[in-house]
Amino acid sequence: MKWKMPLGIILVITLSAGVFFYFKNQAPKNITMIVRPSEFVQQVSVAGKVVPIESLDLSFEQSGRVTNVATKIGDSVSAGQILASQDTSQLEARLVEIQANIDLQKAKLNQFLSGASAEDLTLAQTAITNAETSILNAKDSLLNTKQSLVDTIKDAYTKGDDAVLNKADQLFSNPQTSNLKLNIISSDSNLKTEIELQRGIIGDMLVKWNASTDALTIDANLSASLLEAKQNLNTLKSFFEKLSIVVNNPNSCVFTYGNPCEAVSTTWKTDVSTARTTIITASGNITSAEGAHKTSISALKTAEGNLKTANDQYLIKKAPARSADVSVYQAQVNQAEASKQDVLAQLYKKQVRAPIAGVVTAVEAKVGKIVGANESIVSMISSGSLEIESYVPEKNLPFVKIGDSANVFLDAYGSDVLFATKVVSIDPSETIRDGVTTYRILLQFVVQDDRVKPGMTASVIVDTEKKSNVISVPQGIIELDKGNKVVKVMEGDIITYRTVQTGSVSTLGTIEIISGLTDGDVVVIKESRK
């Protein structure tokens, strides 16, 4: 008997050959995708089980004295309700102070934006006028001190000249000549020689000093004249100090031809002492006049600086507000606001609030009691009696945090029935399950449902991150080029490489594109092989 191929098989083979022939003759095409902003979701999927609810032990984040207990055992409480508080008097006082500073900084900003008032401009103009008057007064004072310094220098010459000619020269023979001689016999011959030499030098010095003081005016170089006066007075002080030693030496005597050596007269001693005092006084007068002159110079510079400051302040008040200056004032407001938020955060830590709606089962807190951080003071259970217990692998734990929303599907009702929950607890220590390190988490039902029974198996999907208007692409199309992440992009019929910056990876295997791609770009999922 001859075997016949069934018609169905023949048809399948024929169709397969046709399809093969068709595709064989088709030109290969790139597989592409147009990128569009969309919601980006990062999720962690774990298995779980419905279990009877456990109590939540609540505590303060910081140690302190309890000042208020606002609940008792058996009370039904709502989510966010304050159950106990610590002493917050200092923080509240600080908050009042910070709020006052915020108001002040805002007032300064508004005042700056409003510009200077007419009264402010008038005051600024008055400051300029006063500064100008101060400069005039300082200039007058400078002229007076200059004249006083000139007069003091001239007076110093007069006193020095008088001291030498009328007081000292009576002790010498021929004092105005090169043959001058001190008419006192001294036991210290070297000192006597020094005095005679110094008197000769002083004669020339006084002649030059007289000429310079005669020409001295307030317009002259007072620094040079001042230096000359100081040096000359020092010379005269040295001269009279030596002369005083000689005349007051009991062994000194005055020699005249034909007469025995006589003791130095009291008159000479008095005249030398008087001359010496006169020179010292003249030196002091010079120092005082110089100090007054320097003070007047400094006062003039200060007055000129004050005038510049007054003019600058006037121009600033008249000028419109600059954006940079506004930014400074706004930054001060923002800084004050940040301080307020910091204190509010500290106040929040001084309160124990119910994280969920439920019933209080234990109250350990007492008014006046000092409690430590993390010391249990209130225990409660949720209003319902069931929750989800699940275990998260350690690699996924960093993504999960208390307060995260989660969708739960119970095997008993299938994937069409969704139960909303949120994470309320994460164990601090690990649990080893089947050789894998996991961490136990508890999830609270947002709405209690009578259909939920203990022991039911659950699939839990925790939403760990949600973003809107995010551009993302399949993670597998990201390539590395010289250390940079790139994707292939169609530009017309040409494939180019585009450098991108990436962010998070979603549960669906897509990766967030932070920069490098824009809405409407065409990326290559798979390039054709020609």
Protein backbone atom coordinates (compact mmCIF):
# COMPACT_ATOMS: atom_id res chain seq x y z
CA MET A 1 0.00 0.00 0.00
CA LYS A 2 1.35 3.34 -0.93
CA TRP A 3 1.74 5.82 2.03
CA LYS A 4 0.18 9.22 1.47
CA MET A 5 1.22 12.36 3.27
CA PRO A 6 -1.70 13.98 5.11
CA LEU A 7 -3.00 17.14 3.59
CA GLY A 8 -2.53 19.13 6.85
CA ILE A 9 1.13 18.24 7.04
CA ILE A 10 1.63 19.13 3.41
CA LEU A 11 -0.02 22.47 4.05
CA VAL A 12 2.15 23.20 7.06
CA ILE A 13 5.32 22.29 5.20
CA THR A 14 4.27 24.38 2.25
CA LEU A 15 3.46 27.35 4.42
CA SER A 16 6.74 27.00 6.30
CA ALA A 17 8.69 26.93 3.09
CA GLY A 18 6.83 29.99 1.89
CA VAL A 19 7.49 31.86 5.07
CA PHE A 20 11.16 30.90 4.94
CA PHE A 21 11.39 31.95 1.31
CA TYR A 22 9.60 35.21 2.12
CA PHE A 23 11.88 36.15 5.00
CA LYS A 24 14.93 35.01 3.14
CA ASN A 25 14.19 37.53 0.45
CA GLN A 26 13.27 40.32 2.88
CA ALA A 27 15.94 42.94 3.60
CA PRO A 28 16.93 42.80 7.29
CA LYS A 29 15.65 45.70 9.41
CA ASN A 30 16.84 47.34 12.63
CA ILE A 31 14.60 46.92 15.64
CA THR A 32 14.08 50.39 17.11
CA MET A 33 12.11 52.17 19.81
CA ILE A 34 10.95 55.75 20.11
CA VAL A 35 11.71 57.04 23.61
CA ARG A 36 8.93 58.86 25.44
CA PRO A 37 8.77 60.23 28.98
CA SER A 38 6.73 57.92 31.20
CA GLU A 39 6.34 56.81 34.78
CA PHE A 40 9.43 55.08 36.12
CA VAL A 41 8.86 52.54 38.87
CA GLN A 42 11.39 50.61 40.91
CA GLN A 43 9.88 47.68 42.79
CA VAL A 44 10.92 44.80 44.99
CA SER A 45 8.87 41.59 44.66
CA VAL A 46 8.78 39.10 47.53
CA ALA A 47 6.48 36.36 48.82
CA GLY A 48 4.58 36.79 52.04
CA LYS A 49 1.94 35.39 54.33
CA VAL A 50 -1.02 36.82 56.21
CA VAL A 51 -0.32 36.56 59.94
CA PRO A 52 -1.98 37.79 63.12
CA ILE A 53 -0.85 41.34 63.84
CA GLU A 54 1.98 42.01 66.27
CA SER A 55 2.11 44.98 68.64
CA LEU A 56 4.18 48.00 67.75
CA ASP A 57 6.52 49.29 70.46
CA LEU A 58 6.91 53.05 70.15
CA SER A 59 9.72 55.16 71.63
CA PHE A 60 11.28 58.61 71.59
CA GLU A 61 14.24 59.21 69.29
CA GLN A 62 16.04 61.17 72.02
CA SER A 63 16.29 60.86 75.78
CA GLY A 64 14.43 63.41 77.90
CA ARG A 65 11.79 64.13 80.53
CA VAL A 66 8.17 63.18 79.73
CA THR A 67 5.86 66.18 80.08
CA ASN A 68 2.63 64.82 78.61
CA VAL A 69 0.99 61.42 78.15
CA ALA A 70 -2.03 61.80 75.89
CA THR A 71 -3.30 58.22 75.79
CA LYS A 72 -4.15 55.24 77.97
CA ILE A 73 -4.57 51.50 77.52
CA GLY A 74 -7.53 50.64 75.32
CA ASP A 75 -7.69 54.01 73.53
CA SER A 76 -8.36 53.93 69.82
CA VAL A 77 -5.92 56.28 68.09
CA SER A 78 -5.63 57.60 64.55
CA ALA A 79 -2.53 57.67 62.40
CA GLY A 80 -0.34 60.65 63.30
CA GLN A 81 -2.00 61.25 66.68
CA ILE A 82 0.38 62.43 69.43
CA LEU A 83 0.59 59.84 72.22
CA ALA A 84 3.32 61.32 74.44
CA SER A 85 5.64 64.33 74.52
CA GLN A 86 8.94 65.31 76.11
CA ASP A 87 9.94 68.73 77.44
CA THR A 88 10.04 71.11 74.46
CA SER A 89 10.08 74.47 76.27
CA GLN A 90 13.61 75.36 75.10
CA LEU A 91 12.87 74.31 71.53
CA GLU A 92 9.62 76.29 71.52
CA ALA A 93 11.44 79.37 72.80
CA ARG A 94 14.06 78.84 70.11
CA LEU A 95 11.28 78.53 67.52
CA VAL A 96 9.80 81.88 68.60
CA GLU A 97 13.25 83.47 68.30
CA ILE A 98 13.82 81.97 64.87
CA GLN A 99 10.38 83.09 63.67
CA ALA A 100 11.20 86.62 64.81
CA ASN A 101 14.45 86.42 62.84
CA ILE A 102 12.56 85.18 59.78
CA ASP A 103 10.19 88.15 60.05
CA LEU A 104 13.18 90.48 60.45
CA GLN A 105 15.02 89.09 57.40
CA LYS A 106 11.85 89.30 55.30
CA ALA A 107 11.33 92.90 56.45
CA LYS A 108 14.92 93.72 55.46
CA LEU A 109 14.37 92.14 52.05
CA ASN A 110 11.13 94.07 51.49
CA GLN A 111 12.77 97.28 52.68
CA PHE A 112 15.69 96.72 50.30
CA LEU A 113 13.36 96.02 47.39
CA SER A 114 11.37 99.17 48.19
CA GLY A 115 14.50 101.32 47.99
CA ALA A 116 15.54 104.22 50.22
CA SER A 117 12.89 106.60 51.55
CA ALA A 118 13.06 110.37 51.19
CA GLU A 119 14.04 110.55 54.86
CA ASP A 120 16.89 108.08 54.27
CA LEU A 121 18.21 110.14 51.36
CA THR A 122 18.01 113.32 53.44
CA LEU A 123 19.98 111.67 56.23
CA ALA A 124 22.55 110.39 53.72
CA GLN A 125 22.94 113.90 52.26
CA THR A 126 23.32 115.32 55.77
CA ALA A 127 26.08 112.77 56.43
CA ILE A 128 27.90 114.06 53.32
CA THR A 129 27.57 117.67 54.50
CA ASN A 130 28.85 116.79 57.96
CA ALA A 131 31.78 114.89 56.48
CA GLU A 132 32.69 117.88 54.29
CA THR A 133 32.58 120.16 57.35
CA SER A 134 34.82 117.73 59.22
CA ILE A 135 37.36 117.91 56.38
CA LEU A 136 37.42 121.72 56.53
CA ASN A 137 37.93 121.62 60.29
CA ALA A 138 40.66 118.99 59.92
CA LYS A 139 42.47 121.12 57.33
CA ASP A 140 42.31 124.16 59.64
CA SER A 141 43.65 122.05 62.48
CA LEU A 142 46.46 120.77 60.24
CA LEU A 143 47.49 124.33 59.36
CA ASN A 144 47.46 125.29 63.05
CA THR A 145 49.61 122.32 64.05
CA LYS A 146 52.01 123.04 61.19
CA GLN A 147 52.39 126.63 62.38
CA SER A 148 52.77 125.42 65.96
CA LEU A 149 55.50 123.01 64.89
CA VAL A 150 57.34 125.77 62.99
CA ASP A 151 57.09 128.08 66.02
CA THR A 152 58.29 125.32 68.35
CA ILE A 153 61.32 124.60 66.16
CA LYS A 154 62.22 128.29 66.05
CA ASP A 155 61.71 128.57 69.81
CA ALA A 156 63.99 125.58 70.32
CA TYR A 157 66.72 127.37 68.37
CA THR A 158 66.23 130.55 70.41
CA LYS A 159 66.41 128.66 73.70
CA GLY A 160 69.45 126.69 72.55
CA ASP A 161 71.27 129.78 71.34
CA ASP A 162 70.51 131.65 74.60
CA ALA A 163 71.64 128.70 76.71
CA VAL A 164 75.00 128.59 74.94
CA LEU A 165 75.74 132.31 74.59
CA ASN A 166 74.36 133.57 77.91
CA LYS A 167 74.77 130.60 80.20
CA ALA A 168 77.63 128.44 78.97
CA ASP A 169 80.01 130.93 77.35
CA GLN A 170 80.70 132.75 80.65
CA LEU A 171 82.69 129.66 81.64
CA PHE A 172 84.97 129.97 78.57
CA SER A 173 87.68 132.28 77.35
CA ASN A 174 87.32 133.31 73.70
CA PRO A 175 84.19 131.11 73.20
CA GLN A 176 83.48 132.51 69.73
CA THR A 177 86.96 131.66 68.37
CA SER A 178 88.97 128.62 67.61
CA ASN A 179 91.15 129.38 70.68
CA LEU A 180 88.31 128.91 73.14
CA LYS A 181 89.21 127.48 76.54
CA LEU A 182 87.15 126.27 79.50
CA ASN A 183 88.20 128.33 82.55
CA ILE A 184 87.72 125.43 84.95
CA ILE A 185 90.43 123.09 86.10
CA SER A 186 89.01 119.58 86.27
CA SER A 187 90.41 116.35 87.58
CA ASP A 188 89.01 114.74 84.40
CA SER A 189 91.15 116.31 81.71
CA ASN A 190 89.60 114.16 78.96
CA LEU A 191 86.11 115.40 79.82
CA LYS A 192 87.31 119.00 79.75
CA THR A 193 88.81 118.44 76.29
CA GLU A 194 85.56 116.92 75.05
CA ILE A 195 83.62 119.95 76.31
CA GLU A 196 85.97 122.40 74.55
CA LEU A 197 85.77 120.45 71.27
CA GLN A 198 81.98 120.21 71.54
CA ARG A 199 81.66 123.97 72.13
CA GLY A 200 83.52 124.61 68.90
CA ILE A 201 81.19 122.30 66.99
CA ILE A 202 78.13 123.90 68.59
CA GLY A 203 79.18 127.30 67.32
CA ASP A 204 79.03 126.17 63.69
CA MET A 205 75.84 124.24 64.42
CA LEU A 206 74.07 127.31 65.78
CA VAL A 207 75.04 129.37 62.73
CA LYS A 208 73.52 126.80 60.36
CA TRP A 209 70.48 126.30 62.58
CA ASN A 210 69.85 130.04 62.65
CA ALA A 211 69.88 130.19 58.86
CA SER A 212 67.45 127.29 58.47
CA THR A 213 65.00 128.58 61.08
CA ASP A 214 65.01 132.05 59.51
CA ALA A 215 63.87 130.44 56.22
CA LEU A 216 61.41 128.05 57.88
CA THR A 217 57.69 128.42 56.95
CA ILE A 218 54.68 126.06 57.05
CA ASP A 219 55.26 125.31 53.36
CA ALA A 220 58.82 124.10 53.95
CA ASN A 221 59.99 120.52 54.41
CA LEU A 222 59.04 120.21 58.06
CA SER A 223 60.37 116.66 58.32
CA ALA A 224 63.95 117.84 57.55
CA SER A 225 63.66 120.82 59.93
CA LEU A 226 62.23 118.57 62.64
CA LEU A 227 65.10 116.10 62.28
CA GLU A 228 67.65 118.93 62.42
CA ALA A 229 66.06 120.34 65.59
CA LYS A 230 66.07 116.94 67.33
CA GLN A 231 69.71 116.30 66.45
CA ASN A 232 70.81 119.80 67.56
CA LEU A 233 68.94 119.56 70.85
CA ASN A 234 70.53 116.17 71.52
CA THR A 235 73.94 117.73 70.92
CA LEU A 236 73.14 120.57 73.34
CA LYS A 237 71.82 118.13 75.98
CA SER A 238 75.04 116.14 75.76
CA PHE A 239 77.09 119.35 76.02
CA PHE A 240 75.29 120.65 79.10
CA GLU A 241 75.28 117.23 80.78
CA LYS A 242 79.11 117.12 80.53
CA LEU A 243 79.40 120.75 81.60
CA SER A 244 77.16 120.02 84.60
CA ILE A 245 79.47 117.17 85.68
CA VAL A 246 82.48 119.49 85.63
CA VAL A 247 80.94 122.46 87.47
CA ASN A 248 79.40 120.25 90.15
CA ASN A 249 82.61 118.28 90.79
CA PRO A 250 83.92 119.41 94.22
CA ASN A 251 87.46 119.02 92.94
CA SER A 252 86.91 121.51 90.09
CA CYS A 253 88.09 125.11 90.46
CA VAL A 254 88.27 128.31 88.43
CA PHE A 255 91.73 129.55 87.48
CA THR A 256 92.59 133.18 86.74
CA TYR A 257 96.05 134.59 86.15
CA GLY A 258 97.64 135.96 89.26
CA ASN A 259 94.96 134.41 91.55
CA PRO A 260 94.70 131.11 93.34
CA CYS A 261 92.26 128.47 91.96
CA GLU A 262 88.80 129.22 93.35
CA ALA A 263 85.73 127.00 93.74
CA VAL A 264 83.15 127.16 90.96
CA SER A 265 80.61 129.82 91.83
CA THR A 266 76.99 129.00 92.66
CA THR A 267 75.90 131.34 89.89
CA TRP A 268 77.70 129.26 87.28
CA LYS A 269 76.26 126.04 88.67
CA THR A 270 72.75 127.53 88.64
CA ASP A 271 73.12 128.88 85.09
CA VAL A 272 74.35 125.52 83.76
CA SER A 273 71.49 123.71 85.49
CA THR A 274 68.97 126.22 84.14
CA ALA A 275 70.36 125.89 80.61
CA ARG A 276 70.23 122.11 80.79
CA THR A 277 66.58 122.22 81.94
CA THR A 278 65.75 124.66 79.15
CA ILE A 279 67.15 122.29 76.52
CA ILE A 280 65.23 119.32 77.96
CA THR A 281 62.03 121.41 77.95
CA ALA A 282 62.60 122.43 74.33
CA SER A 283 63.00 118.76 73.36
CA GLY A 284 59.72 117.93 75.07
CA ASN A 285 58.00 120.79 73.28
CA ILE A 286 59.27 119.48 69.94
CA THR A 287 57.91 115.99 70.71
CA SER A 288 54.50 117.39 71.70
CA ALA A 289 54.23 119.60 68.62
CA GLU A 290 55.24 116.71 66.37
CA GLY A 291 52.59 114.45 67.97
CA ALA A 292 49.89 117.09 67.51
CA HIS A 293 50.90 117.49 63.86
CA LYS A 294 50.70 113.73 63.22
CA THR A 295 47.31 113.60 64.93
CA SER A 296 45.97 116.36 62.68
CA ILE A 297 47.25 114.51 59.58
CA SER A 298 45.51 111.33 60.74
CA ALA A 299 42.33 113.27 61.50
CA LEU A 300 42.29 114.69 57.97
CA LYS A 301 42.70 111.22 56.45
CA THR A 302 39.87 109.93 58.64
CA ALA A 303 37.63 112.82 57.60
CA GLU A 304 38.39 112.17 53.91
CA GLY A 305 37.57 108.48 54.39
CA ASN A 306 34.31 109.38 56.12
CA LEU A 307 33.35 111.62 53.21
CA LYS A 308 34.02 108.82 50.73
CA THR A 309 31.92 106.44 52.82
CA ALA A 310 29.09 108.98 53.05
CA ASN A 311 29.12 109.51 49.27
CA ASP A 312 29.17 105.75 48.65
CA GLN A 313 26.24 105.22 51.03
CA TYR A 314 24.27 107.97 49.31
CA LEU A 315 24.85 106.42 45.88
CA ILE A 316 23.89 102.97 47.19
CA LYS A 317 20.64 104.32 48.61
CA LYS A 318 19.79 106.02 45.31
CA ALA A 319 20.71 103.02 43.16
CA PRO A 320 18.06 100.39 42.28
CA ALA A 321 18.28 96.97 43.91
CA ARG A 322 20.80 94.66 42.23
CA SER A 323 19.88 91.03 41.68
CA ALA A 324 23.06 89.92 43.45
CA ASP A 325 22.13 91.97 46.53
CA VAL A 326 18.57 90.65 46.44
CA SER A 327 20.03 87.13 46.37
CA VAL A 328 22.02 87.88 49.52
CA TYR A 329 18.92 89.07 51.38
CA GLN A 330 16.91 86.12 50.08
CA ALA A 331 19.67 83.75 51.21
CA GLN A 332 19.40 85.20 54.72
CA VAL A 333 15.65 84.54 54.66
CA ASN A 334 16.24 80.99 53.42
CA GLN A 335 18.86 80.41 56.12
CA ALA A 336 16.41 81.51 58.80
CA GLU A 337 13.72 79.26 57.31
CA ALA A 338 16.14 76.33 57.34
CA SER A 339 16.84 76.95 61.03
CA LYS A 340 13.12 76.84 61.66
CA GLN A 341 12.77 73.52 59.87
CA ASP A 342 15.66 72.12 61.92
CA VAL A 343 13.94 73.08 65.17
CA LEU A 344 10.62 71.67 63.95
CA ALA A 345 12.41 68.40 63.19
CA GLN A 346 13.82 68.38 66.72
CA LEU A 347 10.34 69.10 68.11
CA TYR A 348 8.98 66.17 66.13
CA LYS A 349 11.60 63.91 67.72
CA LYS A 350 10.28 64.98 71.12
CA GLN A 351 6.89 63.45 70.30
CA VAL A 352 5.67 59.89 69.94
CA ARG A 353 2.95 59.61 67.29
CA ALA A 354 0.86 56.67 66.24
CA PRO A 355 2.22 55.46 62.90
CA ILE A 356 -1.09 53.78 62.07
CA ALA A 357 -4.66 53.75 63.30
CA GLY A 358 -5.04 51.24 66.11
CA VAL A 359 -5.56 50.46 69.77
CA VAL A 360 -3.13 51.22 72.62
CA THR A 361 -2.16 48.04 74.50
CA ALA A 362 0.45 49.36 76.95
CA VAL A 363 1.61 52.72 78.33
CA GLU A 364 4.94 52.83 80.17
CA ALA A 365 5.41 56.59 79.99
CA LYS A 366 4.69 58.72 83.05
CA VAL A 367 4.77 62.50 83.37
CA GLY A 368 8.06 63.59 84.93
CA LYS A 369 9.85 60.36 84.11
CA ILE A 370 13.15 60.57 82.24
CA VAL A 371 13.22 58.03 79.43
CA GLY A 372 16.07 57.02 77.18
CA ALA A 373 16.23 56.97 73.39
CA ASN A 374 14.53 53.90 71.87
CA GLU A 375 13.04 52.94 75.27
CA SER A 376 9.53 51.53 74.68
CA ILE A 377 6.91 53.81 76.24
CA VAL A 378 3.73 52.98 74.31
CA SER A 379 2.65 49.74 72.62
CA MET A 380 -0.25 49.42 70.19
CA ILE A 381 -1.81 47.18 67.60
CA SER A 382 -3.56 48.22 64.45
CA SER A 383 -7.32 48.52 64.24
CA GLY A 384 -7.41 45.33 62.18
CA SER A 385 -6.07 42.02 63.37
CA LEU A 386 -4.02 40.87 60.38
CA GLU A 387 -0.91 41.95 58.52
CA ILE A 388 1.54 40.65 55.94
CA GLU A 389 4.81 39.07 57.01
CA SER A 390 7.53 38.87 54.38
CA TYR A 391 11.29 38.43 54.10
CA VAL A 392 13.41 40.66 51.85
CA PRO A 393 16.80 39.42 50.56
CA GLU A 394 19.68 41.56 51.78
CA LYS A 395 20.53 42.74 48.26
CA ASN A 396 17.06 44.36 48.01
CA LEU A 397 16.88 45.70 51.57
CA PRO A 398 18.56 49.08 50.82
CA PHE A 399 15.64 49.91 48.52
CA VAL A 400 12.90 49.23 51.09
CA LYS A 401 12.02 51.70 53.83
CA ILE A 402 9.25 52.17 56.37
CA GLY A 403 6.30 53.96 54.79
CA ASP A 404 6.76 52.47 51.30
CA SER A 405 3.51 51.50 49.56
CA ALA A 406 3.06 47.92 48.41
CA ASN A 407 0.50 46.01 46.34
CA VAL A 408 -0.46 42.57 47.62
CA PHE A 409 -2.09 39.77 45.63
CA LEU A 410 -3.50 36.84 47.61
CA ASP A 411 -3.36 33.44 45.90
CA ALA A 412 -6.89 32.77 47.12
CA TYR A 413 -8.30 35.62 45.01
CA GLY A 414 -5.87 35.71 42.09
CA SER A 415 -4.07 38.59 40.41
CA ASP A 416 -7.26 40.51 39.68
CA VAL A 417 -7.83 41.42 43.34
CA LEU A 418 -5.41 44.01 44.72
CA PHE A 419 -4.87 44.84 48.39
CA ALA A 420 -3.07 48.08 49.27
CA THR A 421 -0.55 47.97 52.09
CA LYS A 422 2.44 49.90 53.43
CA VAL A 423 5.65 48.87 55.16
CA VAL A 424 5.42 49.53 58.93
CA SER A 425 8.37 47.56 60.29
CA ILE A 426 11.80 46.29 59.23
CA ASP A 427 13.75 43.97 61.52
CA PRO A 428 17.21 45.30 62.37
CA SER A 429 18.75 41.81 62.43
CA GLU A 430 18.91 39.20 59.70
CA THR A 431 17.00 35.94 59.33
CA ILE A 432 18.61 33.04 57.45
CA ARG A 433 16.09 31.32 55.18
CA ASP A 434 17.18 28.46 52.93
CA GLY A 435 20.78 29.63 53.32
CA VAL A 436 19.94 33.18 52.18
CA THR A 437 20.28 36.24 54.41
CA THR A 438 16.94 38.02 54.60
CA TYR A 439 15.28 40.67 56.74
CA ARG A 440 11.74 40.34 58.08
CA ILE A 441 9.32 43.15 57.18
CA LEU A 442 5.71 43.74 58.20
CA LEU A 443 3.13 45.40 55.99
CA GLN A 444 -0.10 46.97 57.28
CA PHE A 445 -3.31 46.82 55.23
CA VAL A 446 -4.45 50.33 54.31
CA VAL A 447 -8.08 49.17 54.45
CA GLN A 448 -9.14 46.17 56.51
CA ASP A 449 -10.96 43.56 54.44
CA ASP A 450 -12.98 40.66 55.85
CA ARG A 451 -11.88 38.48 52.93
CA VAL A 452 -8.33 38.37 54.27
CA LYS A 453 -7.70 35.35 56.47
CA PRO A 454 -4.66 34.26 58.48
CA GLY A 455 -2.31 31.91 56.68
CA MET A 456 -3.14 33.10 53.15
CA THR A 457 -0.17 33.15 50.76
CA ALA A 458 0.62 36.55 49.30
CA SER A 459 2.68 38.05 46.50
CA VAL A 460 4.04 41.42 47.59
CA ILE A 461 5.27 44.15 45.23
CA VAL A 462 6.86 47.05 47.13
CA ASP A 463 7.10 50.36 45.27
CA THR A 464 10.54 51.63 46.37
CA GLU A 465 10.79 54.50 43.92
CA LYS A 466 8.40 56.30 41.59
CA LYS A 467 9.23 59.07 39.15
CA SER A 468 7.15 60.83 36.53
CA ASN A 469 8.20 62.02 33.07
CA VAL A 470 11.31 59.85 33.01
CA ILE A 471 13.01 58.72 29.81
CA SER A 472 14.14 55.12 30.10
CA VAL A 473 15.41 52.40 27.75
CA PRO A 474 16.05 48.67 28.08
CA GLN A 475 19.12 48.18 30.22
CA GLY A 476 20.60 45.71 27.72
CA ILE A 477 21.13 48.29 24.96
CA ILE A 478 23.57 50.34 27.06
CA GLU A 479 27.12 49.86 25.76
CA LEU A 480 30.52 51.06 26.97
CA ASP A 481 32.76 53.11 24.71
CA LYS A 482 36.09 54.26 26.16
CA GLY A 483 34.62 54.34 29.66
CA ASN A 484 31.46 56.20 28.58
CA LYS A 485 27.95 54.75 28.49
CA VAL A 486 26.45 55.02 24.99
CA VAL A 487 23.34 53.96 23.08
CA LYS A 488 22.77 53.61 19.37
CA VAL A 489 20.46 56.29 17.97
CA MET A 490 18.92 56.49 14.50
CA GLU A 491 19.51 59.85 12.87
CA GLY A 492 17.70 59.48 9.57
CA ASP A 493 19.08 56.23 8.08
CA ILE A 494 22.36 56.50 9.97
CA ILE A 495 23.14 54.88 13.31
CA THR A 496 25.17 57.07 15.66
CA TYR A 497 26.44 56.54 19.18
CA ARG A 498 25.06 58.90 21.81
CA THR A 499 26.75 59.32 25.22
CA VAL A 500 24.24 59.08 28.08
CA GLN A 501 24.15 59.47 31.85
CA THR A 502 22.11 56.78 33.58
CA GLY A 503 20.27 56.55 36.88
CA SER A 504 18.16 53.88 38.57
CA VAL A 505 17.15 50.52 37.10
CA SER A 506 13.44 49.65 37.17
CA THR A 507 11.93 46.32 38.05
CA LEU A 508 11.03 45.86 34.37
CA GLY A 509 14.67 45.98 33.37
CA THR A 510 14.63 49.51 32.00
CA ILE A 511 17.25 52.04 33.06
CA GLU A 512 16.67 55.72 33.72
CA ILE A 513 18.36 58.14 31.27
CA ILE A 514 19.30 61.33 33.12
CA SER A 515 20.86 63.04 30.12
CA GLY A 516 21.76 62.26 26.52
CA LEU A 517 18.32 61.39 25.13
CA THR A 518 15.22 63.51 24.60
CA ASP A 519 11.56 62.89 23.85
CA GLY A 520 11.20 61.47 20.31
CA ASP A 521 14.72 60.09 19.90
CA VAL A 522 14.83 56.69 18.10
CA VAL A 523 17.10 54.19 19.81
CA VAL A 524 18.26 50.91 18.27
CA ILE A 525 17.14 47.86 20.26
CA LYS A 526 18.78 45.39 17.89
CA GLU A 527 20.88 46.22 14.85
CA SER A 528 20.25 44.12 11.69
CA ARG A 529 22.94 41.79 10.44
CA LYS A 530 23.50 42.39 6.73
